[in-house]
Amino acid sequence: MRQPPKGCSITGCGRPALAKSWCKTHYYRARDHNGDPLADKPIAIPSYSEPPAAPIPCKIDDCERAARTRGWCNKHYGRFLEYGDAEEPLRRARDGKGYRGLNNNGYIVLKYGPITILEHRQVMEAELGRKLYPFENVHHKNGIKTDNAPENLEVWVKVQPSGQRLEDLIAFMTTNYPTETLAALANT
């Protein structure tokens, strides 16, 4: 049978003993003040008749949760730890129905409750006006997995090889890097 905790050995304290028969406060005082558990100021016993102070709100706009760490609520602090940004732009709510993020392969994923879809497939289905067949793949012409503009996507009916077609790469480079392309051609 488990015995109730013994009280602090300091007269009039009444708190449960932690170590060396002292409560937590007296134990730490003794540790920090050359062995004297009564050093420093008297222990203030909290008054439970006063109402608790109002919680400080999270410093993110429109968040009504109470701040816990660094002025953020637990949710925003967790986002800060995982992504380095408490507001984390890649997982922002989309139309209030779902979330948007990156998968392990670098593609943008949309999550709507239990349904998960790759954004480039959703964009292509909207362009075609129908669902894609399971054997159809969506290829990014410029090779950038997060560029889901309709003009950058095309449907393939077999597994894509890694890399890009030469003509797609040349078109991308000359459109987006004309100065660098001309300089490279001048050096050949």
N, C-alpha and C. Protein backbone atom coordinates (compact mmCIF):
# COMPACT_ATOMS: atom_id res chain seq x y z
N MET A 1 0.84 -1.18 0.00
CA MET A 1 0.00 0.00 0.00
C MET A 1 0.89 1.25 0.00
N ARG A 2 0.53 2.18 -0.82
CA ARG A 2 1.31 3.40 -0.97
C ARG A 2 1.02 4.37 0.17
N GLN A 3 2.06 4.94 0.74
CA GLN A 3 1.89 5.87 1.84
C GLN A 3 1.78 7.28 1.31
N PRO A 4 1.02 8.13 2.00
CA PRO A 4 0.91 9.52 1.56
C PRO A 4 2.27 10.21 1.70
N PRO A 5 2.56 11.22 0.86
CA PRO A 5 3.85 11.90 0.94
C PRO A 5 3.99 12.63 2.27
N LYS A 6 5.21 12.62 2.78
CA LYS A 6 5.47 13.33 4.03
C LYS A 6 5.58 14.82 3.74
N GLY A 7 5.31 15.61 4.74
CA GLY A 7 5.38 17.06 4.58
C GLY A 7 6.78 17.59 4.76
N CYS A 8 6.97 18.81 4.35
CA CYS A 8 8.24 19.51 4.48
C CYS A 8 8.58 19.62 5.97
N SER A 9 9.87 19.47 6.29
CA SER A 9 10.29 19.51 7.69
C SER A 9 10.40 20.93 8.25
N ILE A 10 10.26 21.94 7.41
CA ILE A 10 10.30 23.32 7.86
C ILE A 10 8.97 23.64 8.55
N THR A 11 9.03 24.15 9.76
CA THR A 11 7.84 24.43 10.55
C THR A 11 6.91 25.41 9.83
N GLY A 12 5.65 25.03 9.71
CA GLY A 12 4.63 25.88 9.12
C GLY A 12 4.56 25.83 7.60
N CYS A 13 5.40 25.04 6.93
CA CYS A 13 5.38 25.01 5.46
C CYS A 13 4.18 24.20 4.97
N GLY A 14 4.05 22.95 5.32
CA GLY A 14 2.90 22.15 4.93
C GLY A 14 2.93 21.59 3.51
N ARG A 15 3.93 21.91 2.72
CA ARG A 15 4.02 21.36 1.38
C ARG A 15 4.60 19.95 1.44
N PRO A 16 4.34 19.13 0.40
CA PRO A 16 4.91 17.77 0.40
C PRO A 16 6.43 17.83 0.23
N ALA A 17 7.12 16.90 0.87
CA ALA A 17 8.58 16.84 0.82
C ALA A 17 9.04 16.30 -0.53
N LEU A 18 10.10 16.90 -1.04
CA LEU A 18 10.69 16.46 -2.31
C LEU A 18 11.97 15.68 -2.04
N ALA A 19 12.91 16.29 -1.35
CA ALA A 19 14.19 15.65 -1.06
C ALA A 19 14.74 16.20 0.25
N LYS A 20 15.50 15.36 0.96
CA LYS A 20 16.09 15.75 2.24
C LYS A 20 15.04 16.29 3.20
N SER A 21 13.84 15.78 3.10
CA SER A 21 12.68 16.14 3.93
C SER A 21 12.23 17.59 3.77
N TRP A 22 12.63 18.23 2.68
CA TRP A 22 12.19 19.59 2.39
C TRP A 22 11.27 19.60 1.17
N CYS A 23 10.42 20.60 1.07
CA CYS A 23 9.60 20.80 -0.13
C CYS A 23 10.50 21.29 -1.25
N LYS A 24 9.94 21.42 -2.42
CA LYS A 24 10.71 21.85 -3.60
C LYS A 24 11.38 23.20 -3.37
N THR A 25 10.63 24.16 -2.84
CA THR A 25 11.16 25.51 -2.65
C THR A 25 12.30 25.51 -1.64
N HIS A 26 12.12 24.86 -0.48
CA HIS A 26 13.17 24.84 0.52
C HIS A 26 14.38 24.03 0.07
N TYR A 27 14.14 22.97 -0.69
CA TYR A 27 15.26 22.18 -1.21
C TYR A 27 16.14 23.02 -2.14
N TYR A 28 15.51 23.76 -3.06
CA TYR A 28 16.29 24.57 -3.99
C TYR A 28 16.96 25.75 -3.29
N ARG A 29 16.32 26.29 -2.27
CA ARG A 29 16.96 27.36 -1.50
C ARG A 29 18.22 26.82 -0.82
N ALA A 30 18.11 25.65 -0.22
CA ALA A 30 19.27 25.07 0.46
C ALA A 30 20.39 24.80 -0.55
N ARG A 31 20.03 24.31 -1.71
CA ARG A 31 21.02 24.01 -2.73
C ARG A 31 21.72 25.28 -3.19
N ASP A 32 20.95 26.36 -3.37
CA ASP A 32 21.50 27.60 -3.94
C ASP A 32 22.08 28.56 -2.90
N HIS A 33 21.84 28.33 -1.60
CA HIS A 33 22.29 29.26 -0.56
C HIS A 33 23.13 28.54 0.51
N ASN A 34 24.10 27.79 0.09
CA ASN A 34 25.05 27.13 0.99
C ASN A 34 24.37 26.31 2.07
N GLY A 35 23.32 25.60 1.72
CA GLY A 35 22.69 24.68 2.65
C GLY A 35 21.61 25.28 3.53
N ASP A 36 21.27 26.56 3.35
CA ASP A 36 20.27 27.20 4.22
C ASP A 36 18.90 27.17 3.54
N PRO A 37 17.97 26.31 4.01
CA PRO A 37 16.65 26.26 3.38
C PRO A 37 15.77 27.46 3.70
N LEU A 38 16.18 28.26 4.67
CA LEU A 38 15.38 29.43 5.06
C LEU A 38 15.95 30.72 4.48
N ALA A 39 16.96 30.65 3.64
CA ALA A 39 17.57 31.85 3.06
C ALA A 39 16.57 32.56 2.16
N ASP A 40 16.86 33.81 1.92
CA ASP A 40 16.07 34.63 1.00
C ASP A 40 14.76 35.06 1.65
N LYS A 41 13.78 35.38 0.87
CA LYS A 41 12.49 35.89 1.37
C LYS A 41 11.59 34.77 1.86
N PRO A 42 10.59 35.10 2.63
CA PRO A 42 9.62 34.09 3.02
C PRO A 42 8.87 33.57 1.79
N ILE A 43 8.40 32.35 1.88
CA ILE A 43 7.65 31.75 0.78
C ILE A 43 6.25 32.34 0.76
N ALA A 44 5.85 32.82 -0.39
CA ALA A 44 4.50 33.37 -0.53
C ALA A 44 3.55 32.24 -0.86
N ILE A 45 2.57 32.07 -0.04
CA ILE A 45 1.56 31.03 -0.29
C ILE A 45 0.48 31.66 -1.16
N PRO A 46 0.17 31.06 -2.33
CA PRO A 46 -0.80 31.67 -3.24
C PRO A 46 -2.18 31.75 -2.62
N SER A 47 -2.87 32.83 -2.94
CA SER A 47 -4.24 33.01 -2.47
C SER A 47 -5.18 32.49 -3.53
N TYR A 48 -6.01 31.53 -3.15
CA TYR A 48 -6.93 30.95 -4.11
C TYR A 48 -8.26 31.68 -4.14
N SER A 49 -8.38 32.74 -3.34
CA SER A 49 -9.62 33.51 -3.35
C SER A 49 -9.64 34.52 -4.50
N GLU A 50 -8.44 34.86 -5.04
CA GLU A 50 -8.39 35.81 -6.15
C GLU A 50 -8.58 35.06 -7.46
N PRO A 51 -9.30 35.65 -8.41
CA PRO A 51 -9.47 34.97 -9.70
C PRO A 51 -8.14 34.91 -10.45
N PRO A 52 -7.93 33.86 -11.23
CA PRO A 52 -6.67 33.78 -11.99
C PRO A 52 -6.60 34.88 -13.03
N ALA A 53 -5.39 35.25 -13.40
CA ALA A 53 -5.20 36.29 -14.41
C ALA A 53 -5.69 35.79 -15.77
N ALA A 54 -6.17 36.71 -16.61
CA ALA A 54 -6.64 36.35 -17.95
C ALA A 54 -5.46 35.86 -18.78
N PRO A 55 -5.65 34.78 -19.57
CA PRO A 55 -4.53 34.28 -20.37
C PRO A 55 -4.13 35.28 -21.45
N ILE A 56 -2.86 35.27 -21.78
CA ILE A 56 -2.34 36.14 -22.84
C ILE A 56 -2.64 35.45 -24.17
N PRO A 57 -3.26 36.16 -25.14
CA PRO A 57 -3.57 35.50 -26.42
C PRO A 57 -2.32 35.30 -27.27
N CYS A 58 -2.40 34.34 -28.18
CA CYS A 58 -1.33 34.06 -29.13
C CYS A 58 -1.06 35.32 -29.95
N LYS A 59 0.22 35.56 -30.30
CA LYS A 59 0.56 36.78 -31.03
C LYS A 59 0.26 36.72 -32.53
N ILE A 60 -0.25 35.59 -33.01
CA ILE A 60 -0.67 35.48 -34.40
C ILE A 60 -2.06 36.09 -34.53
N ASP A 61 -2.24 36.96 -35.51
CA ASP A 61 -3.53 37.62 -35.71
C ASP A 61 -4.63 36.57 -35.89
N ASP A 62 -5.79 36.85 -35.35
CA ASP A 62 -6.99 36.01 -35.46
C ASP A 62 -6.87 34.67 -34.74
N CYS A 63 -5.83 34.44 -33.95
CA CYS A 63 -5.72 33.21 -33.17
C CYS A 63 -6.22 33.51 -31.76
N GLU A 64 -7.19 32.76 -31.30
CA GLU A 64 -7.79 33.02 -29.99
C GLU A 64 -7.24 32.10 -28.91
N ARG A 65 -6.28 31.26 -29.24
CA ARG A 65 -5.72 30.36 -28.24
C ARG A 65 -4.79 31.12 -27.29
N ALA A 66 -4.54 30.56 -26.12
CA ALA A 66 -3.65 31.17 -25.13
C ALA A 66 -2.20 30.95 -25.53
N ALA A 67 -1.39 31.99 -25.35
CA ALA A 67 0.04 31.90 -25.64
C ALA A 67 0.70 30.99 -24.63
N ARG A 68 1.65 30.18 -25.09
CA ARG A 68 2.38 29.26 -24.22
C ARG A 68 3.89 29.52 -24.29
N THR A 69 4.45 29.52 -25.50
CA THR A 69 5.90 29.65 -25.67
C THR A 69 6.20 30.71 -26.72
N ARG A 70 7.13 31.62 -26.39
CA ARG A 70 7.53 32.70 -27.29
C ARG A 70 6.35 33.54 -27.76
N GLY A 71 5.29 33.57 -27.01
CA GLY A 71 4.11 34.36 -27.37
C GLY A 71 3.16 33.66 -28.32
N TRP A 72 3.45 32.41 -28.68
CA TRP A 72 2.59 31.63 -29.59
C TRP A 72 1.82 30.58 -28.81
N CYS A 73 0.70 30.17 -29.34
CA CYS A 73 -0.03 29.03 -28.78
C CYS A 73 0.74 27.75 -29.15
N ASN A 74 0.30 26.62 -28.61
CA ASN A 74 0.99 25.36 -28.90
C ASN A 74 1.00 25.04 -30.39
N LYS A 75 -0.10 25.32 -31.09
CA LYS A 75 -0.20 25.02 -32.52
C LYS A 75 0.82 25.83 -33.33
N HIS A 76 0.88 27.14 -33.11
CA HIS A 76 1.79 27.99 -33.87
C HIS A 76 3.25 27.75 -33.47
N TYR A 77 3.50 27.46 -32.20
CA TYR A 77 4.86 27.14 -31.79
C TYR A 77 5.33 25.84 -32.45
N GLY A 78 4.44 24.86 -32.56
CA GLY A 78 4.77 23.62 -33.25
C GLY A 78 5.10 23.86 -34.71
N ARG A 79 4.34 24.74 -35.36
CA ARG A 79 4.64 25.08 -36.76
C ARG A 79 6.00 25.74 -36.87
N PHE A 80 6.32 26.62 -35.90
CA PHE A 80 7.62 27.29 -35.90
C PHE A 80 8.74 26.26 -35.77
N LEU A 81 8.58 25.28 -34.87
CA LEU A 81 9.62 24.27 -34.68
C LEU A 81 9.79 23.41 -35.93
N GLU A 82 8.68 23.06 -36.59
CA GLU A 82 8.76 22.16 -37.74
C GLU A 82 9.18 22.86 -39.02
N TYR A 83 8.68 24.08 -39.25
CA TYR A 83 8.91 24.75 -40.54
C TYR A 83 9.72 26.04 -40.44
N GLY A 84 10.00 26.52 -39.21
CA GLY A 84 10.73 27.77 -39.05
C GLY A 84 9.86 28.99 -39.21
N ASP A 85 8.56 28.82 -39.36
CA ASP A 85 7.62 29.92 -39.53
C ASP A 85 6.33 29.55 -38.79
N ALA A 86 5.95 30.38 -37.82
CA ALA A 86 4.76 30.07 -37.02
C ALA A 86 3.48 30.09 -37.84
N GLU A 87 3.45 30.84 -38.94
CA GLU A 87 2.25 30.89 -39.76
C GLU A 87 2.30 29.88 -40.90
N GLU A 88 3.44 29.31 -41.17
CA GLU A 88 3.67 28.22 -42.11
C GLU A 88 2.83 28.30 -43.38
N PRO A 89 3.31 29.01 -44.37
CA PRO A 89 2.51 29.26 -45.57
C PRO A 89 2.15 28.03 -46.40
N LEU A 90 2.93 26.95 -46.36
CA LEU A 90 2.63 25.81 -47.22
C LEU A 90 1.45 24.97 -46.75
N ARG A 91 1.00 25.13 -45.50
CA ARG A 91 -0.10 24.33 -45.01
C ARG A 91 -1.30 25.21 -44.66
N ARG A 92 -1.39 26.37 -45.30
CA ARG A 92 -2.50 27.27 -44.98
C ARG A 92 -3.82 26.66 -45.46
N ALA A 93 -4.85 27.01 -44.79
CA ALA A 93 -6.17 26.47 -45.14
C ALA A 93 -6.56 26.93 -46.53
N ARG A 94 -7.17 26.06 -47.25
CA ARG A 94 -7.59 26.35 -48.62
C ARG A 94 -9.11 26.34 -48.66
N ASP A 95 -9.72 27.49 -48.81
CA ASP A 95 -11.17 27.65 -48.82
C ASP A 95 -11.81 27.14 -47.53
N GLY A 96 -11.03 27.07 -46.46
CA GLY A 96 -11.56 26.61 -45.19
C GLY A 96 -11.90 25.14 -45.15
N LYS A 97 -11.57 24.39 -46.19
CA LYS A 97 -11.97 22.99 -46.28
C LYS A 97 -10.80 22.02 -46.12
N GLY A 98 -9.58 22.45 -46.39
CA GLY A 98 -8.48 21.50 -46.37
C GLY A 98 -7.15 22.18 -46.20
N TYR A 99 -6.08 21.43 -46.48
CA TYR A 99 -4.74 21.96 -46.32
C TYR A 99 -3.89 21.69 -47.55
N ARG A 100 -2.82 22.46 -47.68
CA ARG A 100 -1.92 22.36 -48.82
C ARG A 100 -0.51 22.22 -48.27
N GLY A 101 0.24 21.25 -48.75
CA GLY A 101 1.61 21.05 -48.27
C GLY A 101 2.44 20.30 -49.29
N LEU A 102 3.68 20.02 -48.94
CA LEU A 102 4.59 19.28 -49.81
C LEU A 102 4.72 17.85 -49.30
N ASN A 103 4.76 16.89 -50.25
CA ASN A 103 5.01 15.51 -49.83
C ASN A 103 6.51 15.25 -49.85
N ASN A 104 6.92 14.03 -49.54
CA ASN A 104 8.34 13.69 -49.46
C ASN A 104 9.04 13.75 -50.81
N ASN A 105 8.29 13.69 -51.91
CA ASN A 105 8.89 13.76 -53.25
C ASN A 105 8.94 15.17 -53.80
N GLY A 106 8.46 16.17 -53.04
CA GLY A 106 8.51 17.56 -53.47
C GLY A 106 7.31 18.04 -54.25
N TYR A 107 6.25 17.24 -54.35
CA TYR A 107 5.02 17.65 -55.04
C TYR A 107 4.05 18.27 -54.06
N ILE A 108 3.23 19.21 -54.53
CA ILE A 108 2.23 19.83 -53.68
C ILE A 108 1.05 18.88 -53.53
N VAL A 109 0.66 18.66 -52.27
CA VAL A 109 -0.44 17.75 -51.94
C VAL A 109 -1.58 18.55 -51.35
N LEU A 110 -2.80 18.23 -51.75
CA LEU A 110 -3.99 18.85 -51.19
C LEU A 110 -4.71 17.81 -50.36
N LYS A 111 -5.13 18.19 -49.15
CA LYS A 111 -5.83 17.25 -48.27
C LYS A 111 -7.18 17.84 -47.93
N TYR A 112 -8.21 17.10 -48.23
CA TYR A 112 -9.59 17.48 -47.91
C TYR A 112 -10.18 16.36 -47.07
N GLY A 113 -10.09 16.48 -45.74
CA GLY A 113 -10.56 15.41 -44.88
C GLY A 113 -9.77 14.15 -45.16
N PRO A 114 -10.45 13.04 -45.45
CA PRO A 114 -9.73 11.79 -45.71
C PRO A 114 -9.15 11.70 -47.13
N ILE A 115 -9.50 12.65 -48.00
CA ILE A 115 -9.07 12.60 -49.41
C ILE A 115 -7.76 13.38 -49.58
N THR A 116 -6.79 12.76 -50.24
CA THR A 116 -5.51 13.39 -50.55
C THR A 116 -5.32 13.30 -52.06
N ILE A 117 -4.94 14.43 -52.69
CA ILE A 117 -4.70 14.44 -54.14
C ILE A 117 -3.50 15.32 -54.43
N LEU A 118 -2.73 14.95 -55.43
CA LEU A 118 -1.62 15.77 -55.88
C LEU A 118 -2.18 16.95 -56.67
N GLU A 119 -1.69 18.15 -56.36
CA GLU A 119 -2.24 19.35 -56.98
C GLU A 119 -2.10 19.34 -58.50
N HIS A 120 -0.98 18.84 -59.04
CA HIS A 120 -0.81 18.86 -60.49
C HIS A 120 -1.83 17.95 -61.18
N ARG A 121 -2.24 16.88 -60.52
CA ARG A 121 -3.28 16.02 -61.09
C ARG A 121 -4.64 16.74 -61.06
N GLN A 122 -4.90 17.46 -59.97
CA GLN A 122 -6.17 18.20 -59.88
C GLN A 122 -6.24 19.29 -60.95
N VAL A 123 -5.12 19.98 -61.18
CA VAL A 123 -5.09 21.03 -62.20
C VAL A 123 -5.34 20.43 -63.58
N MET A 124 -4.70 19.30 -63.87
CA MET A 124 -4.87 18.67 -65.18
C MET A 124 -6.31 18.16 -65.35
N GLU A 125 -6.90 17.61 -64.30
CA GLU A 125 -8.29 17.15 -64.39
C GLU A 125 -9.23 18.32 -64.68
N ALA A 126 -8.95 19.48 -64.07
CA ALA A 126 -9.76 20.66 -64.35
C ALA A 126 -9.60 21.12 -65.80
N GLU A 127 -8.37 21.04 -66.33
CA GLU A 127 -8.12 21.42 -67.73
C GLU A 127 -8.82 20.47 -68.70
N LEU A 128 -8.77 19.17 -68.40
CA LEU A 128 -9.38 18.17 -69.29
C LEU A 128 -10.89 18.08 -69.11
N GLY A 129 -11.38 18.49 -67.95
CA GLY A 129 -12.81 18.38 -67.68
C GLY A 129 -13.23 16.95 -67.33
N ARG A 130 -12.30 16.13 -66.90
CA ARG A 130 -12.59 14.74 -66.52
C ARG A 130 -11.55 14.27 -65.53
N LYS A 131 -11.83 13.14 -64.89
CA LYS A 131 -10.86 12.52 -64.00
C LYS A 131 -9.76 11.86 -64.82
N LEU A 132 -8.54 11.87 -64.31
CA LEU A 132 -7.44 11.17 -64.98
C LEU A 132 -7.56 9.68 -64.73
N TYR A 133 -7.18 8.90 -65.71
CA TYR A 133 -7.14 7.45 -65.55
C TYR A 133 -5.92 7.08 -64.71
N PRO A 134 -5.96 5.96 -64.02
CA PRO A 134 -4.81 5.57 -63.18
C PRO A 134 -3.51 5.42 -63.97
N PHE A 135 -3.58 5.06 -65.25
CA PHE A 135 -2.36 4.88 -66.04
C PHE A 135 -1.84 6.19 -66.62
N GLU A 136 -2.56 7.30 -66.44
CA GLU A 136 -2.11 8.60 -66.94
C GLU A 136 -1.25 9.30 -65.89
N ASN A 137 -0.13 9.87 -66.34
CA ASN A 137 0.76 10.64 -65.48
C ASN A 137 0.79 12.08 -65.95
N VAL A 138 0.99 12.99 -65.01
CA VAL A 138 1.11 14.41 -65.36
C VAL A 138 2.59 14.78 -65.27
N HIS A 139 3.11 15.30 -66.37
CA HIS A 139 4.53 15.66 -66.49
C HIS A 139 4.69 17.17 -66.37
N HIS A 140 5.68 17.62 -65.59
CA HIS A 140 6.03 19.05 -65.50
C HIS A 140 7.07 19.34 -66.57
N LYS A 141 6.72 20.13 -67.56
CA LYS A 141 7.62 20.39 -68.69
C LYS A 141 8.93 21.04 -68.26
N ASN A 142 8.86 22.00 -67.33
CA ASN A 142 10.09 22.70 -66.93
C ASN A 142 10.84 21.99 -65.81
N GLY A 143 10.33 20.86 -65.35
CA GLY A 143 11.01 20.08 -64.33
C GLY A 143 10.81 20.58 -62.91
N ILE A 144 10.08 21.67 -62.72
CA ILE A 144 9.84 22.21 -61.38
C ILE A 144 8.55 21.60 -60.84
N LYS A 145 8.69 20.76 -59.83
CA LYS A 145 7.56 19.98 -59.32
C LYS A 145 6.46 20.82 -58.68
N THR A 146 6.78 22.04 -58.26
CA THR A 146 5.78 22.89 -57.62
C THR A 146 5.15 23.89 -58.59
N ASP A 147 5.58 23.90 -59.85
CA ASP A 147 5.01 24.80 -60.86
C ASP A 147 3.85 24.07 -61.53
N ASN A 148 2.65 24.28 -61.00
CA ASN A 148 1.47 23.57 -61.49
C ASN A 148 0.60 24.43 -62.40
N ALA A 149 1.23 25.36 -63.12
CA ALA A 149 0.49 26.16 -64.09
C ALA A 149 0.05 25.24 -65.23
N PRO A 150 -1.18 25.37 -65.72
CA PRO A 150 -1.67 24.47 -66.77
C PRO A 150 -0.76 24.38 -67.99
N GLU A 151 -0.12 25.51 -68.37
CA GLU A 151 0.75 25.48 -69.55
C GLU A 151 2.05 24.72 -69.30
N ASN A 152 2.37 24.42 -68.05
CA ASN A 152 3.57 23.67 -67.72
C ASN A 152 3.30 22.17 -67.59
N LEU A 153 2.05 21.77 -67.69
CA LEU A 153 1.69 20.37 -67.47
C LEU A 153 1.24 19.69 -68.75
N GLU A 154 1.57 18.40 -68.87
CA GLU A 154 1.07 17.61 -69.99
C GLU A 154 0.83 16.19 -69.50
N VAL A 155 -0.11 15.49 -70.17
CA VAL A 155 -0.46 14.13 -69.77
C VAL A 155 0.39 13.14 -70.55
N TRP A 156 0.94 12.18 -69.83
CA TRP A 156 1.67 11.07 -70.43
C TRP A 156 0.92 9.80 -70.09
N VAL A 157 0.98 8.81 -70.97
CA VAL A 157 0.26 7.57 -70.73
C VAL A 157 1.20 6.41 -70.37
N LYS A 158 2.41 6.74 -70.01
CA LYS A 158 3.33 5.73 -69.49
C LYS A 158 4.18 6.40 -68.43
N VAL A 159 4.90 5.62 -67.69
CA VAL A 159 5.74 6.17 -66.63
C VAL A 159 6.78 7.09 -67.24
N GLN A 160 6.97 8.22 -66.61
CA GLN A 160 7.90 9.21 -67.13
C GLN A 160 9.33 8.83 -66.79
N PRO A 161 10.24 9.03 -67.73
CA PRO A 161 11.65 8.85 -67.37
C PRO A 161 12.09 10.05 -66.54
N SER A 162 13.17 9.90 -65.79
CA SER A 162 13.66 11.03 -65.02
C SER A 162 14.25 12.07 -65.97
N GLY A 163 14.24 13.33 -65.54
CA GLY A 163 14.78 14.40 -66.36
C GLY A 163 13.71 15.10 -67.18
N GLN A 164 14.15 15.80 -68.23
CA GLN A 164 13.25 16.56 -69.09
C GLN A 164 13.60 16.30 -70.55
N ARG A 165 12.63 16.55 -71.41
CA ARG A 165 12.94 16.49 -72.85
C ARG A 165 13.82 17.69 -73.17
N LEU A 166 14.75 17.52 -74.07
CA LEU A 166 15.69 18.58 -74.42
C LEU A 166 14.97 19.83 -74.90
N GLU A 167 13.94 19.67 -75.77
CA GLU A 167 13.25 20.86 -76.29
C GLU A 167 12.49 21.62 -75.20
N ASP A 168 11.96 20.90 -74.19
CA ASP A 168 11.29 21.57 -73.07
C ASP A 168 12.28 22.36 -72.23
N LEU A 169 13.46 21.77 -71.99
CA LEU A 169 14.49 22.44 -71.19
C LEU A 169 15.01 23.68 -71.91
N ILE A 170 15.25 23.56 -73.22
CA ILE A 170 15.73 24.72 -73.99
C ILE A 170 14.69 25.82 -74.00
N ALA A 171 13.42 25.48 -74.20
CA ALA A 171 12.35 26.48 -74.19
C ALA A 171 12.26 27.18 -72.83
N PHE A 172 12.37 26.43 -71.77
CA PHE A 172 12.32 27.01 -70.42
C PHE A 172 13.48 27.96 -70.19
N MET A 173 14.69 27.54 -70.55
CA MET A 173 15.88 28.36 -70.32
C MET A 173 15.86 29.65 -71.14
N THR A 174 15.48 29.55 -72.42
CA THR A 174 15.48 30.75 -73.26
C THR A 174 14.38 31.73 -72.85
N THR A 175 13.27 31.22 -72.33
CA THR A 175 12.19 32.10 -71.87
C THR A 175 12.52 32.77 -70.55
N ASN A 176 13.06 32.01 -69.62
CA ASN A 176 13.28 32.52 -68.26
C ASN A 176 14.68 33.07 -68.01
N TYR A 177 15.66 32.68 -68.83
CA TYR A 177 17.04 33.14 -68.65
C TYR A 177 17.63 33.55 -69.99
N PRO A 178 17.04 34.55 -70.67
CA PRO A 178 17.52 34.90 -72.01
C PRO A 178 18.95 35.43 -72.01
N THR A 179 19.32 36.25 -71.03
CA THR A 179 20.67 36.83 -70.99
C THR A 179 21.71 35.73 -70.79
N GLU A 180 21.44 34.84 -69.84
CA GLU A 180 22.37 33.75 -69.56
C GLU A 180 22.49 32.80 -70.74
N THR A 181 21.38 32.55 -71.45
CA THR A 181 21.39 31.67 -72.61
C THR A 181 22.24 32.26 -73.73
N LEU A 182 22.06 33.59 -73.99
CA LEU A 182 22.86 34.24 -75.03
C LEU A 182 24.35 34.24 -74.66
N ALA A 183 24.66 34.45 -73.38
CA ALA A 183 26.07 34.44 -72.94
C ALA A 183 26.66 33.05 -73.11
N ALA A 184 25.89 32.01 -72.78
CA ALA A 184 26.38 30.64 -72.93
C ALA A 184 26.60 30.30 -74.41
N LEU A 185 25.70 30.76 -75.30
CA LEU A 185 25.86 30.50 -76.74
C LEU A 185 27.05 31.25 -77.30
N ALA A 186 27.35 32.46 -76.79
CA ALA A 186 28.48 33.24 -77.26
C ALA A 186 29.80 32.59 -76.91
N ASN A 187 29.82 31.81 -75.82
CA ASN A 187 31.06 31.15 -75.36
C ASN A 187 31.31 29.82 -76.09
N THR A 188 30.39 29.37 -76.93
CA THR A 188 30.59 28.08 -77.60
C THR A 188 31.26 28.23 -78.93
